[in-house]
Amino acid sequence: MKLYAYVRVSTRQQSLKRQIENIMSANGGAYANAQFFSDKFTGSTLDRPEWNRLYKRLQPGDTVVFDSVSRLSRDAEDGAALYEELYQKGINLVFLNEPHCDTECYRQAAAASIPATGNEIADIYIEATNRVLMLLARRQIAIAFEQAEKERLDIQTRVRDGMRAAKLEAAQHGIEKTYGLAPGTKLTTRKSVAAKAVIVKHSKDFNGTLDDPEVIKLCGISRNTYYRYKRQLKAGQ
């Protein structure tokens, strides 16, 4: 039985860092030793290179940890179907933001089903009751995917509306609205602090056991950024 973690973002500009940190720190670090797989810029398709690689490795009893159900799929229907398939194969799925959707909860619902009695008439009602329980469980999973999909669309709408409002307000005052920092500005961000913490913990050059390519993937940052952070860390030793 092996422990995996899967993280995904939808654009190349987004960072995998937050998801990785959430997984590594969850349950007192219970998933810190998981083997991570990550995808970027995948859109709504399920054809994701790293997920496909992980999918081929999965064996009954293995566990895959996600930050959210939305990382398994951005489409509610496909996500629920994929969840059902993995559950039937005996794969354990853990969702940090939606623990009620963990496969363990699903299996507990199945275990709580009413057993057959041997009475033909009674068993017809029991079978129907058990089917309803399973349908309700499946619907709960579908609802979680639908909610995650709705939240994603809502965020996109709020971002577009906010940028449009800011540009309109700036135009009213005769100002050309721009975003980001002025050239040459140096800024210490939470992202850089978090990435450096991962580098110190996992890089062979500090306290870890991983090679540079492995740490780069774990950090979810570019190669150039990674080596810049390493230089800064070494300079501060």
Protein backbone atom coordinates (compact mmCIF):
# COMPACT_ATOMS: atom_id res chain seq x y z
CA MET A 1 0.00 0.00 0.00
CA LYS A 2 1.49 3.30 -1.13
CA LEU A 3 0.75 6.92 -0.25
CA TYR A 4 0.43 9.48 -3.04
CA ALA A 5 -0.64 13.10 -3.28
CA TYR A 6 -1.96 14.92 -6.33
CA VAL A 7 -2.00 18.68 -6.84
CA ARG A 8 -3.14 20.70 -9.84
CA VAL A 9 -3.56 24.31 -10.94
CA SER A 10 -5.30 25.56 -14.06
CA THR A 11 -2.77 28.09 -15.37
CA ARG A 12 1.01 28.27 -15.57
CA GLN A 13 0.91 31.46 -13.49
CA GLN A 14 -0.69 29.75 -10.49
CA SER A 15 1.41 28.08 -7.82
CA LEU A 16 1.06 24.55 -6.49
CA LYS A 17 2.62 25.67 -3.24
CA ARG A 18 -0.52 26.17 -1.16
CA GLN A 19 -1.91 22.73 -2.01
CA ILE A 20 1.43 21.05 -1.27
CA GLU A 21 1.74 22.82 2.08
CA ASN A 22 -1.83 21.91 3.05
CA ILE A 23 -1.23 18.24 2.31
CA MET A 24 2.16 18.05 4.01
CA SER A 25 0.91 19.70 7.21
CA ALA A 26 -2.48 17.93 7.45
CA ASN A 27 -3.18 15.47 10.26
CA GLY A 28 0.06 16.24 12.04
CA GLY A 29 2.17 15.56 8.97
CA ALA A 30 0.61 12.17 8.27
CA TYR A 31 0.92 12.76 4.51
CA ALA A 32 4.32 14.48 4.51
CA ASN A 33 6.01 11.41 3.02
CA ALA A 34 3.54 11.06 0.16
CA GLN A 35 4.90 10.86 -3.38
CA PHE A 36 3.64 13.98 -5.11
CA PHE A 37 2.32 14.25 -8.67
CA SER A 38 1.42 17.63 -10.12
CA ASP A 39 -0.14 19.10 -13.25
CA LYS A 40 -0.31 22.68 -14.51
CA PHE A 41 -2.33 24.38 -17.22
CA THR A 42 -4.68 21.44 -17.85
CA GLY A 43 -7.99 23.22 -18.44
CA SER A 44 -11.13 21.16 -17.84
CA THR A 45 -9.88 17.99 -19.52
CA LEU A 46 -9.07 14.79 -17.63
CA ASP A 47 -6.15 14.14 -20.01
CA ARG A 48 -3.48 15.21 -17.51
CA PRO A 49 0.02 13.76 -17.98
CA GLU A 50 1.01 13.43 -14.31
CA TRP A 51 -2.43 12.26 -13.22
CA ASN A 52 -2.37 9.63 -15.97
CA ARG A 53 1.05 8.48 -14.75
CA LEU A 54 -0.24 8.22 -11.19
CA TYR A 55 -3.45 6.52 -12.29
CA LYS A 56 -1.48 3.72 -13.98
CA ARG A 57 0.43 3.07 -10.74
CA LEU A 58 -2.55 2.81 -8.42
CA GLN A 59 -3.17 -0.55 -6.78
CA PRO A 60 -5.89 -1.68 -4.34
CA GLY A 61 -5.13 -0.31 -0.88
CA ASP A 62 -3.17 2.71 -2.16
CA THR A 63 -4.13 6.17 -0.90
CA VAL A 64 -4.26 9.43 -2.86
CA VAL A 65 -4.54 12.72 -0.96
CA PHE A 66 -6.03 15.86 -2.52
CA ASP A 67 -6.41 19.37 -1.18
CA SER A 68 -9.95 19.45 -2.58
CA VAL A 69 -12.32 17.38 -4.72
CA SER A 70 -11.89 20.03 -7.42
CA ARG A 71 -8.30 18.82 -7.90
CA LEU A 72 -9.55 15.37 -8.92
CA SER A 73 -11.63 16.93 -11.67
CA ARG A 74 -13.04 20.32 -12.64
CA ASP A 75 -16.15 18.69 -14.09
CA ALA A 76 -18.77 17.43 -11.61
CA GLU A 77 -20.06 14.57 -13.75
CA ASP A 78 -16.62 13.25 -14.76
CA GLY A 79 -15.34 13.74 -11.22
CA ALA A 80 -18.12 11.70 -9.65
CA ALA A 81 -17.60 8.93 -12.23
CA LEU A 82 -13.85 8.86 -11.62
CA TYR A 83 -14.42 8.78 -7.86
CA GLU A 84 -16.79 5.81 -8.25
CA GLU A 85 -14.29 3.97 -10.45
CA LEU A 86 -11.41 4.42 -8.01
CA TYR A 87 -13.61 3.45 -5.07
CA GLN A 88 -14.62 0.21 -6.79
CA LYS A 89 -10.92 -0.55 -7.41
CA GLY A 90 -10.19 -0.26 -3.69
CA ILE A 91 -8.26 3.03 -3.91
CA ASN A 92 -8.49 5.26 -0.83
CA LEU A 93 -9.22 8.91 -1.63
CA VAL A 94 -8.69 11.68 0.95
CA PHE A 95 -9.95 15.25 0.43
CA LEU A 96 -8.67 17.71 3.03
CA ASN A 97 -11.32 20.37 2.38
CA GLU A 98 -14.22 17.90 2.07
CA PRO A 99 -13.51 15.05 4.52
CA HIS A 100 -17.11 13.87 4.24
CA CYS A 101 -16.25 12.79 0.67
CA ASP A 102 -13.35 10.55 1.70
CA THR A 103 -13.79 7.00 0.44
CA GLU A 104 -13.64 5.85 4.06
CA CYS A 105 -16.93 7.66 4.70
CA TYR A 106 -18.40 6.04 1.60
CA ARG A 107 -17.29 2.59 2.78
CA GLN A 108 -18.77 3.22 6.23
CA ALA A 109 -22.10 3.98 4.58
CA ALA A 110 -21.88 0.69 2.71
CA ALA A 111 -20.96 -1.17 5.91
CA ALA A 112 -23.96 0.35 7.66
CA SER A 113 -26.31 -1.12 5.07
CA ILE A 114 -29.01 -3.42 6.37
CA PRO A 115 -28.02 -7.11 5.91
CA ALA A 116 -30.34 -9.58 4.21
CA THR A 117 -32.58 -11.66 6.46
CA GLY A 118 -33.35 -14.61 4.23
CA ASN A 119 -37.00 -13.63 4.07
CA GLU A 120 -37.82 -13.05 0.41
CA ILE A 121 -40.31 -10.23 0.94
CA ALA A 122 -38.32 -8.49 3.65
CA ASP A 123 -35.14 -8.74 1.60
CA ILE A 124 -36.81 -6.90 -1.29
CA TYR A 125 -37.39 -3.91 1.00
CA ILE A 126 -33.89 -4.20 2.50
CA GLU A 127 -32.28 -4.28 -0.93
CA ALA A 128 -34.26 -1.22 -1.97
CA THR A 129 -33.21 0.60 1.22
CA ASN A 130 -29.55 -0.22 0.65
CA ARG A 131 -29.76 1.02 -2.93
CA VAL A 132 -31.22 4.31 -1.70
CA LEU A 133 -28.37 4.67 0.80
CA MET A 134 -25.82 4.21 -1.97
CA LEU A 135 -27.64 6.62 -4.28
CA LEU A 136 -27.62 9.23 -1.52
CA ALA A 137 -23.90 8.68 -0.96
CA ARG A 138 -23.18 9.07 -4.67
CA ARG A 139 -25.29 12.20 -4.82
CA GLN A 140 -23.36 13.69 -1.90
CA ILE A 141 -20.14 13.19 -3.82
CA ALA A 142 -21.60 14.76 -6.96
CA ILE A 143 -22.78 17.76 -4.93
CA ALA A 144 -19.25 18.31 -3.62
CA PHE A 145 -17.86 18.39 -7.17
CA GLU A 146 -20.63 20.71 -8.31
CA GLN A 147 -19.95 23.06 -5.41
CA ALA A 148 -16.22 23.14 -6.16
CA GLU A 149 -16.97 23.87 -9.81
CA LYS A 150 -19.37 26.68 -8.85
CA GLU A 151 -16.83 28.24 -6.48
CA ARG A 152 -14.21 28.24 -9.23
CA LEU A 153 -16.55 30.00 -11.64
CA ASP A 154 -17.60 32.49 -8.94
CA ILE A 155 -13.95 33.38 -8.24
CA GLN A 156 -13.28 33.93 -11.93
CA THR A 157 -16.32 36.20 -12.15
CA ARG A 158 -15.30 38.24 -9.09
CA VAL A 159 -11.77 38.69 -10.42
CA ARG A 160 -13.03 39.89 -13.81
CA ASP A 161 -15.57 42.22 -12.19
CA GLY A 162 -12.95 43.62 -9.80
CA MET A 163 -10.47 44.33 -12.58
CA ARG A 164 -13.18 45.94 -14.72
CA ALA A 165 -14.30 48.16 -11.84
CA ALA A 166 -10.72 49.18 -11.04
CA LYS A 167 -10.02 50.11 -14.65
CA LEU A 168 -13.26 52.10 -14.85
CA GLU A 169 -12.48 54.02 -11.66
CA ALA A 170 -8.95 54.75 -12.84
CA ALA A 171 -10.23 55.95 -16.21
CA GLN A 172 -12.63 58.34 -14.49
CA HIS A 173 -9.63 59.95 -12.79
CA GLY A 174 -7.52 60.00 -15.92
CA ILE A 175 -5.20 57.25 -14.67
CA GLU A 176 -4.04 54.27 -16.67
CA LYS A 177 -4.59 51.30 -14.34
CA THR A 178 -1.72 48.81 -14.19
CA TYR A 179 -1.16 45.74 -12.05
CA GLY A 180 1.96 44.41 -10.37
CA LEU A 181 5.11 46.00 -8.97
CA ALA A 182 7.30 48.64 -10.50
CA PRO A 183 10.47 47.33 -12.21
CA GLY A 184 13.26 46.67 -9.71
CA THR A 185 10.93 46.44 -6.73
CA LYS A 186 11.97 43.72 -4.26
CA LEU A 187 9.28 42.03 -2.23
CA THR A 188 9.32 39.20 0.31
CA THR A 189 6.16 37.19 -0.24
CA ARG A 190 4.51 34.35 1.61
CA LYS A 191 5.14 32.24 -1.48
CA SER A 192 8.90 32.80 -1.34
CA VAL A 193 9.05 32.15 2.41
CA ALA A 194 7.08 28.91 2.03
CA ALA A 195 9.20 27.75 -0.93
CA LYS A 196 12.41 28.41 0.96
CA ALA A 197 11.11 26.41 3.92
CA VAL A 198 10.52 23.44 1.61
CA ILE A 199 13.99 23.83 0.08
CA VAL A 200 15.69 23.86 3.50
CA LYS A 201 13.70 20.83 4.62
CA HIS A 202 14.03 18.64 1.52
CA SER A 203 17.10 19.73 -0.50
CA LYS A 204 20.30 17.70 -0.15
CA ASP A 205 22.17 20.99 0.09
CA PHE A 206 20.50 21.65 3.44
CA ASN A 207 18.62 19.19 5.67
CA GLY A 208 16.89 16.96 3.14
CA THR A 209 17.45 13.98 0.87
CA LEU A 210 15.97 15.12 -2.45
CA ASP A 211 17.75 16.21 -5.64
CA ASP A 212 17.08 19.61 -7.20
CA PRO A 213 14.51 18.44 -9.82
CA GLU A 214 12.49 16.70 -7.10
CA VAL A 215 12.49 19.77 -4.85
CA ILE A 216 11.56 22.03 -7.78
CA LYS A 217 8.51 19.88 -8.43
CA LEU A 218 7.65 19.83 -4.74
CA CYS A 219 7.88 23.63 -4.50
CA GLY A 220 5.87 24.24 -7.65
CA ILE A 221 8.19 27.05 -8.78
CA SER A 222 10.31 27.65 -11.86
CA ARG A 223 13.87 26.37 -12.13
CA ASN A 224 15.32 29.90 -12.17
CA THR A 225 13.31 30.92 -9.10
CA TYR A 226 14.37 27.77 -7.29
CA TYR A 227 18.09 28.40 -7.80
CA ARG A 228 17.70 32.07 -6.88
CA TYR A 229 16.09 31.04 -3.59
CA LYS A 230 18.90 28.55 -2.98
CA ARG A 231 21.53 31.24 -3.51
CA GLN A 232 19.71 33.54 -1.10
CA LEU A 233 19.47 30.78 1.49
CA LYS A 234 23.17 29.93 1.23
CA ALA A 235 24.11 33.58 1.47
CA GLY A 236 22.17 33.82 4.69
CA GLN A 237 23.82 30.82 6.35
